[in-house]
Amino acid sequence: GASLNVRVMGDSVRLEVHVTNVAGSPVALEFDTTQRY
């Protein structure tokens, strides 16, 4: 499950992405580099 929250405060914009495992077993996310998002 994933959500994106955008919060505007004056001229500053805060971005937040949230990812949750909604499956009944562990989920392993694989990455090619140290970048995650």
Full PDB file with SEQRES, HELIX, SHEET, SSBOND, CRYST1, ORIGX, SCALE, CONECT and MASTER records, all heavy atoms in Angstrom:
SEQRES   1 A   37  GLY ALA SER LEU ASN VAL ARG VAL MET GLY ASP SER VAL          
SEQRES   2 A   37  ARG LEU GLU VAL HIS VAL THR ASN VAL ALA GLY SER PRO          
SEQRES   3 A   37  VAL ALA LEU GLU PHE ASP THR THR GLN ARG TYR                  
SHEET    1 AA1 2 ALA A   2  MET A   9  0                                        
SHEET    2 AA1 2 SER A  12  VAL A  19 -1                                        
CRYST1    1.000    1.000    1.000  90.00  90.00  90.00 P 1           1          
ORIGX1      1.000000  0.000000  0.000000        0.00000                         
ORIGX2      0.000000  1.000000  0.000000        0.00000                         
ORIGX3      0.000000  0.000000  1.000000        0.00000                         
SCALE1      1.000000  0.000000  0.000000        0.00000                         
SCALE2      0.000000  1.000000  0.000000        0.00000                         
SCALE3      0.000000  0.000000  1.000000        0.00000                         
ATOM      1  N   GLY A   1       0.870  -1.160   0.000  1.00  0.00           N  
ATOM      2  CA  GLY A   1       0.000   0.000   0.000  1.00  0.00           C  
ATOM      3  C   GLY A   1       0.912   1.217   0.000  1.00  0.00           C  
ATOM      4  O   GLY A   1       1.940   1.219   0.674  1.00  0.00           O  
ATOM      5  N   ALA A   2       0.592   2.229  -0.768  1.00  0.00           N  
ATOM      6  CA  ALA A   2       1.469   3.392  -0.846  1.00  0.00           C  
ATOM      7  C   ALA A   2       0.640   4.665  -0.878  1.00  0.00           C  
ATOM      8  O   ALA A   2      -0.461   4.688  -1.422  1.00  0.00           O  
ATOM      9  CB  ALA A   2       2.348   3.311  -2.092  1.00  0.00           C  
ATOM     10  N   SER A   3       1.182   5.731  -0.301  1.00  0.00           N  
ATOM     11  CA  SER A   3       0.514   7.022  -0.313  1.00  0.00           C  
ATOM     12  C   SER A   3       1.543   8.120  -0.529  1.00  0.00           C  
ATOM     13  O   SER A   3       2.708   7.975  -0.181  1.00  0.00           O  
ATOM     14  CB  SER A   3      -0.255   7.256   0.989  1.00  0.00           C  
ATOM     15  OG  SER A   3       0.629   7.278   2.090  1.00  0.00           O  
ATOM     16  N   LEU A   4       1.083   9.205  -1.122  1.00  0.00           N  
ATOM     17  CA  LEU A   4       1.892  10.398  -1.335  1.00  0.00           C  
ATOM     18  C   LEU A   4       1.180  11.562  -0.670  1.00  0.00           C  
ATOM     19  O   LEU A   4       0.015  11.822  -0.963  1.00  0.00           O  
ATOM     20  CB  LEU A   4       2.063  10.668  -2.837  1.00  0.00           C  
ATOM     21  CG  LEU A   4       2.661  12.015  -3.242  1.00  0.00           C  
ATOM     22  CD1 LEU A   4       4.039  12.232  -2.630  1.00  0.00           C  
ATOM     23  CD2 LEU A   4       2.708  12.125  -4.759  1.00  0.00           C  
ATOM     24  N   ASN A   5       1.879  12.239   0.217  1.00  0.00           N  
ATOM     25  CA  ASN A   5       1.340  13.390   0.918  1.00  0.00           C  
ATOM     26  C   ASN A   5       2.127  14.618   0.470  1.00  0.00           C  
ATOM     27  O   ASN A   5       3.348  14.624   0.551  1.00  0.00           O  
ATOM     28  CB  ASN A   5       1.480  13.184   2.426  1.00  0.00           C  
ATOM     29  CG  ASN A   5       0.863  14.299   3.234  1.00  0.00           C  
ATOM     30  OD1 ASN A   5       0.660  15.404   2.758  1.00  0.00           O  
ATOM     31  ND2 ASN A   5       0.597  14.010   4.487  1.00  0.00           N  
ATOM     32  N   VAL A   6       1.434  15.637  -0.013  1.00  0.00           N  
ATOM     33  CA  VAL A   6       2.044  16.906  -0.404  1.00  0.00           C  
ATOM     34  C   VAL A   6       1.462  17.975   0.497  1.00  0.00           C  
ATOM     35  O   VAL A   6       0.244  18.170   0.532  1.00  0.00           O  
ATOM     36  CB  VAL A   6       1.760  17.231  -1.884  1.00  0.00           C  
ATOM     37  CG1 VAL A   6       2.317  18.606  -2.239  1.00  0.00           C  
ATOM     38  CG2 VAL A   6       2.336  16.163  -2.794  1.00  0.00           C  
ATOM     39  N   ARG A   7       2.334  18.672   1.210  1.00  0.00           N  
ATOM     40  CA  ARG A   7       1.879  19.694   2.154  1.00  0.00           C  
ATOM     41  C   ARG A   7       2.518  21.030   1.777  1.00  0.00           C  
ATOM     42  O   ARG A   7       3.746  21.144   1.759  1.00  0.00           O  
ATOM     43  CB  ARG A   7       2.288  19.281   3.560  1.00  0.00           C  
ATOM     44  CG  ARG A   7       1.739  20.131   4.623  1.00  0.00           C  
ATOM     45  CD  ARG A   7       2.101  19.509   5.943  1.00  0.00           C  
ATOM     46  NE  ARG A   7       1.448  20.220   7.003  1.00  0.00           N  
ATOM     47  CZ  ARG A   7       1.705  20.005   8.264  1.00  0.00           C  
ATOM     48  NH1 ARG A   7       2.591  19.100   8.622  1.00  0.00           N  
ATOM     49  NH2 ARG A   7       1.082  20.689   9.180  1.00  0.00           N  
ATOM     50  N   VAL A   8       1.685  22.007   1.465  1.00  0.00           N  
ATOM     51  CA  VAL A   8       2.153  23.328   1.074  1.00  0.00           C  
ATOM     52  C   VAL A   8       2.040  24.255   2.279  1.00  0.00           C  
ATOM     53  O   VAL A   8       0.967  24.404   2.851  1.00  0.00           O  
ATOM     54  CB  VAL A   8       1.315  23.883  -0.102  1.00  0.00           C  
ATOM     55  CG1 VAL A   8       1.771  25.285  -0.473  1.00  0.00           C  
ATOM     56  CG2 VAL A   8       1.401  22.948  -1.301  1.00  0.00           C  
ATOM     57  N   MET A   9       3.173  24.855   2.662  1.00  0.00           N  
ATOM     58  CA  MET A   9       3.211  25.800   3.778  1.00  0.00           C  
ATOM     59  C   MET A   9       3.933  27.046   3.277  1.00  0.00           C  
ATOM     60  O   MET A   9       5.164  27.049   3.211  1.00  0.00           O  
ATOM     61  CB  MET A   9       3.936  25.186   4.963  1.00  0.00           C  
ATOM     62  CG  MET A   9       3.242  23.943   5.500  1.00  0.00           C  
ATOM     63  SD  MET A   9       4.213  23.034   6.712  1.00  0.00           S  
ATOM     64  CE  MET A   9       5.546  22.425   5.690  1.00  0.00           C  
ATOM     65  N   GLY A  10       3.168  28.052   2.880  1.00  0.00           N  
ATOM     66  CA  GLY A  10       3.774  29.236   2.275  1.00  0.00           C  
ATOM     67  C   GLY A  10       4.377  28.846   0.937  1.00  0.00           C  
ATOM     68  O   GLY A  10       3.679  28.332   0.074  1.00  0.00           O  
ATOM     69  N   ASP A  11       5.685  29.077   0.774  1.00  0.00           N  
ATOM     70  CA  ASP A  11       6.336  28.669  -0.471  1.00  0.00           C  
ATOM     71  C   ASP A  11       7.183  27.411  -0.286  1.00  0.00           C  
ATOM     72  O   ASP A  11       7.975  27.049  -1.146  1.00  0.00           O  
ATOM     73  CB  ASP A  11       7.155  29.808  -1.078  1.00  0.00           C  
ATOM     74  CG  ASP A  11       8.231  30.328  -0.142  1.00  0.00           C  
ATOM     75  OD1 ASP A  11       8.472  29.712   0.909  1.00  0.00           O  
ATOM     76  OD2 ASP A  11       8.830  31.371  -0.471  1.00  0.00           O  
ATOM     77  N   SER A  12       7.022  26.724   0.824  1.00  0.00           N  
ATOM     78  CA  SER A  12       7.716  25.463   1.081  1.00  0.00           C  
ATOM     79  C   SER A  12       6.747  24.298   0.851  1.00  0.00           C  
ATOM     80  O   SER A  12       5.597  24.348   1.279  1.00  0.00           O  
ATOM     81  CB  SER A  12       8.226  25.432   2.522  1.00  0.00           C  
ATOM     82  OG  SER A  12       8.865  24.203   2.789  1.00  0.00           O  
ATOM     83  N   VAL A  13       7.238  23.277   0.159  1.00  0.00           N  
ATOM     84  CA  VAL A  13       6.415  22.103  -0.144  1.00  0.00           C  
ATOM     85  C   VAL A  13       7.098  20.881   0.452  1.00  0.00           C  
ATOM     86  O   VAL A  13       8.248  20.577   0.125  1.00  0.00           O  
ATOM     87  CB  VAL A  13       6.225  21.937  -1.666  1.00  0.00           C  
ATOM     88  CG1 VAL A  13       5.388  20.700  -1.968  1.00  0.00           C  
ATOM     89  CG2 VAL A  13       5.580  23.181  -2.260  1.00  0.00           C  
ATOM     90  N   ARG A  14       6.395  20.189   1.341  1.00  0.00           N  
ATOM     91  CA  ARG A  14       6.918  18.969   1.959  1.00  0.00           C  
ATOM     92  C   ARG A  14       6.289  17.783   1.249  1.00  0.00           C  
ATOM     93  O   ARG A  14       5.067  17.709   1.094  1.00  0.00           O  
ATOM     94  CB  ARG A  14       6.576  18.944   3.439  1.00  0.00           C  
ATOM     95  CG  ARG A  14       7.059  17.684   4.143  1.00  0.00           C  
ATOM     96  CD  ARG A  14       6.614  17.720   5.592  1.00  0.00           C  
ATOM     97  NE  ARG A  14       6.642  16.426   6.194  1.00  0.00           N  
ATOM     98  CZ  ARG A  14       7.638  15.974   6.947  1.00  0.00           C  
ATOM     99  NH1 ARG A  14       8.671  16.741   7.165  1.00  0.00           N  
ATOM    100  NH2 ARG A  14       7.591  14.772   7.464  1.00  0.00           N  
ATOM    101  N   LEU A  15       7.141  16.856   0.819  1.00  0.00           N  
ATOM    102  CA  LEU A  15       6.711  15.666   0.096  1.00  0.00           C  
ATOM    103  C   LEU A  15       7.015  14.441   0.948  1.00  0.00           C  
ATOM    104  O   LEU A  15       8.117  14.318   1.493  1.00  0.00           O  
ATOM    105  CB  LEU A  15       7.479  15.563  -1.222  1.00  0.00           C  
ATOM    106  CG  LEU A  15       7.396  16.802  -2.103  1.00  0.00           C  
ATOM    107  CD1 LEU A  15       8.600  16.906  -2.998  1.00  0.00           C  
ATOM    108  CD2 LEU A  15       6.123  16.767  -2.899  1.00  0.00           C  
ATOM    109  N   GLU A  16       6.051  13.548   1.044  1.00  0.00           N  
ATOM    110  CA  GLU A  16       6.251  12.335   1.839  1.00  0.00           C  
ATOM    111  C   GLU A  16       5.606  11.161   1.128  1.00  0.00           C  
ATOM    112  O   GLU A  16       4.433  11.210   0.774  1.00  0.00           O  
ATOM    113  CB  GLU A  16       5.616  12.517   3.218  1.00  0.00           C  
ATOM    114  CG  GLU A  16       5.763  11.322   4.119  1.00  0.00           C  
ATOM    115  CD  GLU A  16       5.198  11.578   5.503  1.00  0.00           C  
ATOM    116  OE1 GLU A  16       5.162  12.735   5.949  1.00  0.00           O  
ATOM    117  OE2 GLU A  16       4.768  10.593   6.133  1.00  0.00           O  
ATOM    118  N   VAL A  17       6.394  10.116   0.899  1.00  0.00           N  
ATOM    119  CA  VAL A  17       5.853   8.881   0.346  1.00  0.00           C  
ATOM    120  C   VAL A  17       5.959   7.817   1.441  1.00  0.00           C  
ATOM    121  O   VAL A  17       6.962   7.728   2.149  1.00  0.00           O  
ATOM    122  CB  VAL A  17       6.558   8.442  -0.965  1.00  0.00           C  
ATOM    123  CG1 VAL A  17       8.021   8.113  -0.756  1.00  0.00           C  
ATOM    124  CG2 VAL A  17       5.830   7.279  -1.615  1.00  0.00           C  
ATOM    125  N   HIS A  18       4.879   7.069   1.590  1.00  0.00           N  
ATOM    126  CA  HIS A  18       4.770   6.047   2.628  1.00  0.00           C  
ATOM    127  C   HIS A  18       4.414   4.730   1.953  1.00  0.00           C  
ATOM    128  O   HIS A  18       3.477   4.687   1.157  1.00  0.00           O  
ATOM    129  CB  HIS A  18       3.675   6.467   3.589  1.00  0.00           C  
ATOM    130  CG  HIS A  18       3.823   5.913   4.954  1.00  0.00           C  
ATOM    131  ND1 HIS A  18       2.989   6.245   5.967  1.00  0.00           N  
ATOM    132  CD2 HIS A  18       4.701   5.058   5.492  1.00  0.00           C  
ATOM    133  CE1 HIS A  18       3.334   5.626   7.071  1.00  0.00           C  
ATOM    134  NE2 HIS A  18       4.368   4.894   6.803  1.00  0.00           N  
ATOM    135  N   VAL A  19       5.149   3.671   2.255  1.00  0.00           N  
ATOM    136  CA  VAL A  19       4.925   2.357   1.669  1.00  0.00           C  
ATOM    137  C   VAL A  19       4.744   1.356   2.804  1.00  0.00           C  
ATOM    138  O   VAL A  19       5.547   1.327   3.735  1.00  0.00           O  
ATOM    139  CB  VAL A  19       6.121   1.930   0.782  1.00  0.00           C  
ATOM    140  CG1 VAL A  19       5.920   0.545   0.224  1.00  0.00           C  
ATOM    141  CG2 VAL A  19       6.340   2.935  -0.325  1.00  0.00           C  
ATOM    142  N   THR A  20       3.687   0.542   2.735  1.00  0.00           N  
ATOM    143  CA  THR A  20       3.380  -0.444   3.776  1.00  0.00           C  
ATOM    144  C   THR A  20       3.171  -1.809   3.153  1.00  0.00           C  
ATOM    145  O   THR A  20       2.498  -1.950   2.127  1.00  0.00           O  
ATOM    146  CB  THR A  20       2.108  -0.037   4.547  1.00  0.00           C  
ATOM    147  OG1 THR A  20       2.309   1.248   5.128  1.00  0.00           O  
ATOM    148  CG2 THR A  20       1.770  -1.036   5.647  1.00  0.00           C  
ATOM    149  N   ASN A  21       3.728  -2.835   3.785  1.00  0.00           N  
ATOM    150  CA  ASN A  21       3.517  -4.216   3.355  1.00  0.00           C  
ATOM    151  C   ASN A  21       2.116  -4.641   3.785  1.00  0.00           C  
ATOM    152  O   ASN A  21       1.832  -4.767   4.973  1.00  0.00           O  
ATOM    153  CB  ASN A  21       4.573  -5.130   3.984  1.00  0.00           C  
ATOM    154  CG  ASN A  21       4.380  -6.579   3.620  1.00  0.00           C  
ATOM    155  OD1 ASN A  21       3.407  -6.966   2.978  1.00  0.00           O  
ATOM    156  ND2 ASN A  21       5.305  -7.423   4.047  1.00  0.00           N  
ATOM    157  N   VAL A  22       1.226  -4.851   2.809  1.00  0.00           N  
ATOM    158  CA  VAL A  22      -0.134  -5.290   3.103  1.00  0.00           C  
ATOM    159  C   VAL A  22      -0.313  -6.790   2.864  1.00  0.00           C  
ATOM    160  O   VAL A  22      -1.413  -7.315   2.988  1.00  0.00           O  
ATOM    161  CB  VAL A  22      -1.183  -4.474   2.291  1.00  0.00           C  
ATOM    162  CG1 VAL A  22      -1.143  -3.006   2.695  1.00  0.00           C  
ATOM    163  CG2 VAL A  22      -0.975  -4.634   0.796  1.00  0.00           C  
ATOM    164  N   ALA A  23       0.782  -7.472   2.528  1.00  0.00           N  
ATOM    165  CA  ALA A  23       0.749  -8.920   2.297  1.00  0.00           C  
ATOM    166  C   ALA A  23       0.883  -9.650   3.636  1.00  0.00           C  
ATOM    167  O   ALA A  23       1.256  -9.063   4.651  1.00  0.00           O  
ATOM    168  CB  ALA A  23       1.885  -9.324   1.353  1.00  0.00           C  
ATOM    169  N   GLY A  24       0.611 -10.927   3.624  1.00  0.00           N  
ATOM    170  CA  GLY A  24       0.686 -11.733   4.829  1.00  0.00           C  
ATOM    171  C   GLY A  24       2.068 -12.296   5.124  1.00  0.00           C  
ATOM    172  O   GLY A  24       2.248 -13.012   6.102  1.00  0.00           O  
ATOM    173  N   SER A  25       3.054 -11.965   4.288  1.00  0.00           N  
ATOM    174  CA  SER A  25       4.422 -12.455   4.487  1.00  0.00           C  
ATOM    175  C   SER A  25       5.407 -11.323   4.210  1.00  0.00           C  
ATOM    176  O   SER A  25       5.038 -10.305   3.608  1.00  0.00           O  
ATOM    177  CB  SER A  25       4.694 -13.648   3.561  1.00  0.00           C  
ATOM    178  OG  SER A  25       4.504 -13.276   2.214  1.00  0.00           O  
ATOM    179  N   PRO A  26       6.665 -11.485   4.642  1.00  0.00           N  
ATOM    180  CA  PRO A  26       7.651 -10.418   4.400  1.00  0.00           C  
ATOM    181  C   PRO A  26       7.821 -10.126   2.912  1.00  0.00           C  
ATOM    182  O   PRO A  26       7.672 -11.008   2.064  1.00  0.00           O  
ATOM    183  CB  PRO A  26       8.944 -10.992   4.974  1.00  0.00           C  
ATOM    184  CG  PRO A  26       8.499 -12.007   5.980  1.00  0.00           C  
ATOM    185  CD  PRO A  26       7.229 -12.593   5.402  1.00  0.00           C  
ATOM    186  N   VAL A  27       8.120  -8.863   2.603  1.00  0.00           N  
ATOM    187  CA  VAL A  27       8.393  -8.419   1.242  1.00  0.00           C  
ATOM    188  C   VAL A  27       9.787  -7.791   1.250  1.00  0.00           C  
ATOM    189  O   VAL A  27      10.062  -6.908   2.069  1.00  0.00           O  
ATOM    190  CB  VAL A  27       7.347  -7.392   0.770  1.00  0.00           C  
ATOM    191  CG1 VAL A  27       7.737  -6.783  -0.566  1.00  0.00           C  
ATOM    192  CG2 VAL A  27       5.969  -8.031   0.691  1.00  0.00           C  
ATOM    193  N   ALA A  28      10.654  -8.265   0.357  1.00  0.00           N  
ATOM    194  CA  ALA A  28      12.022  -7.741   0.262  1.00  0.00           C  
ATOM    195  C   ALA A  28      12.133  -6.853  -0.976  1.00  0.00           C  
ATOM    196  O   ALA A  28      12.023  -7.341  -2.102  1.00  0.00           O  
ATOM    197  CB  ALA A  28      13.030  -8.883   0.200  1.00  0.00           C  
ATOM    198  N   LEU A  29      12.337  -5.577  -0.765  1.00  0.00           N  
ATOM    199  CA  LEU A  29      12.530  -4.638  -1.864  1.00  0.00           C  
ATOM    200  C   LEU A  29      14.014  -4.635  -2.228  1.00  0.00           C  
ATOM    201  O   LEU A  29      14.866  -4.441  -1.355  1.00  0.00           O  
ATOM    202  CB  LEU A  29      12.092  -3.229  -1.463  1.00  0.00           C  
ATOM    203  CG  LEU A  29      10.593  -2.966  -1.395  1.00  0.00           C  
ATOM    204  CD1 LEU A  29       9.970  -3.619  -0.179  1.00  0.00           C  
ATOM    205  CD2 LEU A  29      10.332  -1.491  -1.369  1.00  0.00           C  
ATOM    206  N   GLU A  30      14.314  -4.851  -3.501  1.00  0.00           N  
ATOM    207  CA  GLU A  30      15.699  -4.909  -3.986  1.00  0.00           C  
ATOM    208  C   GLU A  30      16.045  -3.603  -4.693  1.00  0.00           C  
ATOM    209  O   GLU A  30      15.224  -3.065  -5.445  1.00  0.00           O  
ATOM    210  CB  GLU A  30      15.871  -6.076  -4.969  1.00  0.00           C  
ATOM    211  CG  GLU A  30      15.444  -7.432  -4.425  1.00  0.00           C  
ATOM    212  CD  GLU A  30      16.400  -7.994  -3.384  1.00  0.00           C  
ATOM    213  OE1 GLU A  30      17.563  -7.552  -3.344  1.00  0.00           O  
ATOM    214  OE2 GLU A  30      15.973  -8.865  -2.614  1.00  0.00           O  
ATOM    215  N   PHE A  31      17.287  -3.123  -4.489  1.00  0.00           N  
ATOM    216  CA  PHE A  31      17.738  -1.866  -5.080  1.00  0.00           C  
ATOM    217  C   PHE A  31      19.098  -2.077  -5.738  1.00  0.00           C  
ATOM    218  O   PHE A  31      19.949  -2.775  -5.205  1.00  0.00           O  
ATOM    219  CB  PHE A  31      17.853  -0.785  -4.012  1.00  0.00           C  
ATOM    220  CG  PHE A  31      16.550  -0.473  -3.329  1.00  0.00           C  
ATOM    221  CD1 PHE A  31      16.162  -1.167  -2.193  1.00  0.00           C  
ATOM    222  CD2 PHE A  31      15.716   0.500  -3.829  1.00  0.00           C  
ATOM    223  CE1 PHE A  31      14.964  -0.894  -1.558  1.00  0.00           C  
ATOM    224  CE2 PHE A  31      14.503   0.787  -3.206  1.00  0.00           C  
ATOM    225  CZ  PHE A  31      14.125   0.090  -2.070  1.00  0.00           C  
ATOM    226  N   ASP A  32      19.302  -1.421  -6.903  1.00  0.00           N  
ATOM    227  CA  ASP A  32      20.583  -1.504  -7.627  1.00  0.00           C  
ATOM    228  C   ASP A  32      21.668  -0.621  -7.031  1.00  0.00           C  
ATOM    229  O   ASP A  32      22.853  -0.861  -7.251  1.00  0.00           O  
ATOM    230  CB  ASP A  32      20.401  -1.074  -9.095  1.00  0.00           C  
ATOM    231  CG  ASP A  32      19.859  -2.184  -9.951  1.00  0.00           C  
ATOM    232  OD1 ASP A  32      19.912  -3.352  -9.531  1.00  0.00           O  
ATOM    233  OD2 ASP A  32      19.385  -1.886 -11.057  1.00  0.00           O  
ATOM    234  N   THR A  33      21.260   0.454  -6.337  1.00  0.00           N  
ATOM    235  CA  THR A  33      22.202   1.405  -5.746  1.00  0.00           C  
ATOM    236  C   THR A  33      21.747   1.715  -4.327  1.00  0.00           C  
ATOM    237  O   THR A  33      20.767   1.144  -3.846  1.00  0.00           O  
ATOM    238  CB  THR A  33      22.248   2.728  -6.551  1.00  0.00           C  
ATOM    239  OG1 THR A  33      21.007   3.419  -6.385  1.00  0.00           O  
ATOM    240  CG2 THR A  33      22.516   2.476  -8.039  1.00  0.00           C  
ATOM    241  N   THR A  34      22.418   2.662  -3.693  1.00  0.00           N  
ATOM    242  CA  THR A  34      22.004   3.074  -2.349  1.00  0.00           C  
ATOM    243  C   THR A  34      20.808   4.025  -2.378  1.00  0.00           C  
ATOM    244  O   THR A  34      20.257   4.333  -1.328  1.00  0.00           O  
ATOM    245  CB  THR A  34      23.174   3.745  -1.597  1.00  0.00           C  
ATOM    246  OG1 THR A  34      23.640   4.853  -2.352  1.00  0.00           O  
ATOM    247  CG2 THR A  34      24.308   2.747  -1.363  1.00  0.00           C  
ATOM    248  N   GLN A  35      20.384   4.470  -3.566  1.00  0.00           N  
ATOM    249  CA  GLN A  35      19.187   5.314  -3.664  1.00  0.00           C  
ATOM    250  C   GLN A  35      17.948   4.469  -3.405  1.00  0.00           C  
ATOM    251  O   GLN A  35      17.800   3.385  -3.957  1.00  0.00           O  
ATOM    252  CB  GLN A  35      19.084   5.974  -5.037  1.00  0.00           C  
ATOM    253  CG  GLN A  35      17.890   6.901  -5.148  1.00  0.00           C  
ATOM    254  CD  GLN A  35      17.768   7.574  -6.503  1.00  0.00           C  
ATOM    255  OE1 GLN A  35      18.476   7.238  -7.446  1.00  0.00           O  
ATOM    256  NE2 GLN A  35      16.859   8.530  -6.606  1.00  0.00           N  
ATOM    257  N   ARG A  36      17.042   4.999  -2.583  1.00  0.00           N  
ATOM    258  CA  ARG A  36      15.804   4.294  -2.256  1.00  0.00           C  
ATOM    259  C   ARG A  36      14.561   4.969  -2.835  1.00  0.00           C  
ATOM    260  O   ARG A  36      13.557   4.321  -3.062  1.00  0.00           O  
ATOM    261  CB  ARG A  36      15.635   4.188  -0.734  1.00  0.00           C  
ATOM    262  CG  ARG A  36      16.749   3.405  -0.041  1.00  0.00           C  
ATOM    263  CD  ARG A  36      16.737   1.971  -0.493  1.00  0.00           C  
ATOM    264  NE  ARG A  36      17.682   1.141   0.207  1.00  0.00           N  
ATOM    265  CZ  ARG A  36      18.833   0.715  -0.289  1.00  0.00           C  
ATOM    266  NH1 ARG A  36      19.203   1.076  -1.504  1.00  0.00           N  
ATOM    267  NH2 ARG A  36      19.619  -0.064   0.409  1.00  0.00           N  
ATOM    268  N   TYR A  37      14.607   6.277  -3.044  1.00  0.00           N  
ATOM    269  CA  TYR A  37      13.424   7.035  -3.463  1.00  0.00           C  
ATOM    270  C   TYR A  37      13.843   8.239  -4.288  1.00  0.00           C  
ATOM    271  O   TYR A  37      15.017   8.594  -4.355  1.00  0.00           O  
ATOM    272  CB  TYR A  37      12.623   7.498  -2.249  1.00  0.00           C  
ATOM    273  CG  TYR A  37      13.372   8.452  -1.365  1.00  0.00           C  
ATOM    274  CD1 TYR A  37      13.191   9.830  -1.504  1.00  0.00           C  
ATOM    275  CD2 TYR A  37      14.267   7.998  -0.403  1.00  0.00           C  
ATOM    276  CE1 TYR A  37      13.885  10.721  -0.707  1.00  0.00           C  
ATOM    277  CE2 TYR A  37      14.961   8.878   0.400  1.00  0.00           C  
ATOM    278  CZ  TYR A  37      14.774  10.236   0.244  1.00  0.00           C  
ATOM    279  OH  TYR A  37      15.464  11.122   1.026  1.00  0.00           O  
TER     280      TYR A  37                                                      
MASTER        0    0    0    0    2    0    0    6  279    1    0    3          
END                                                                             
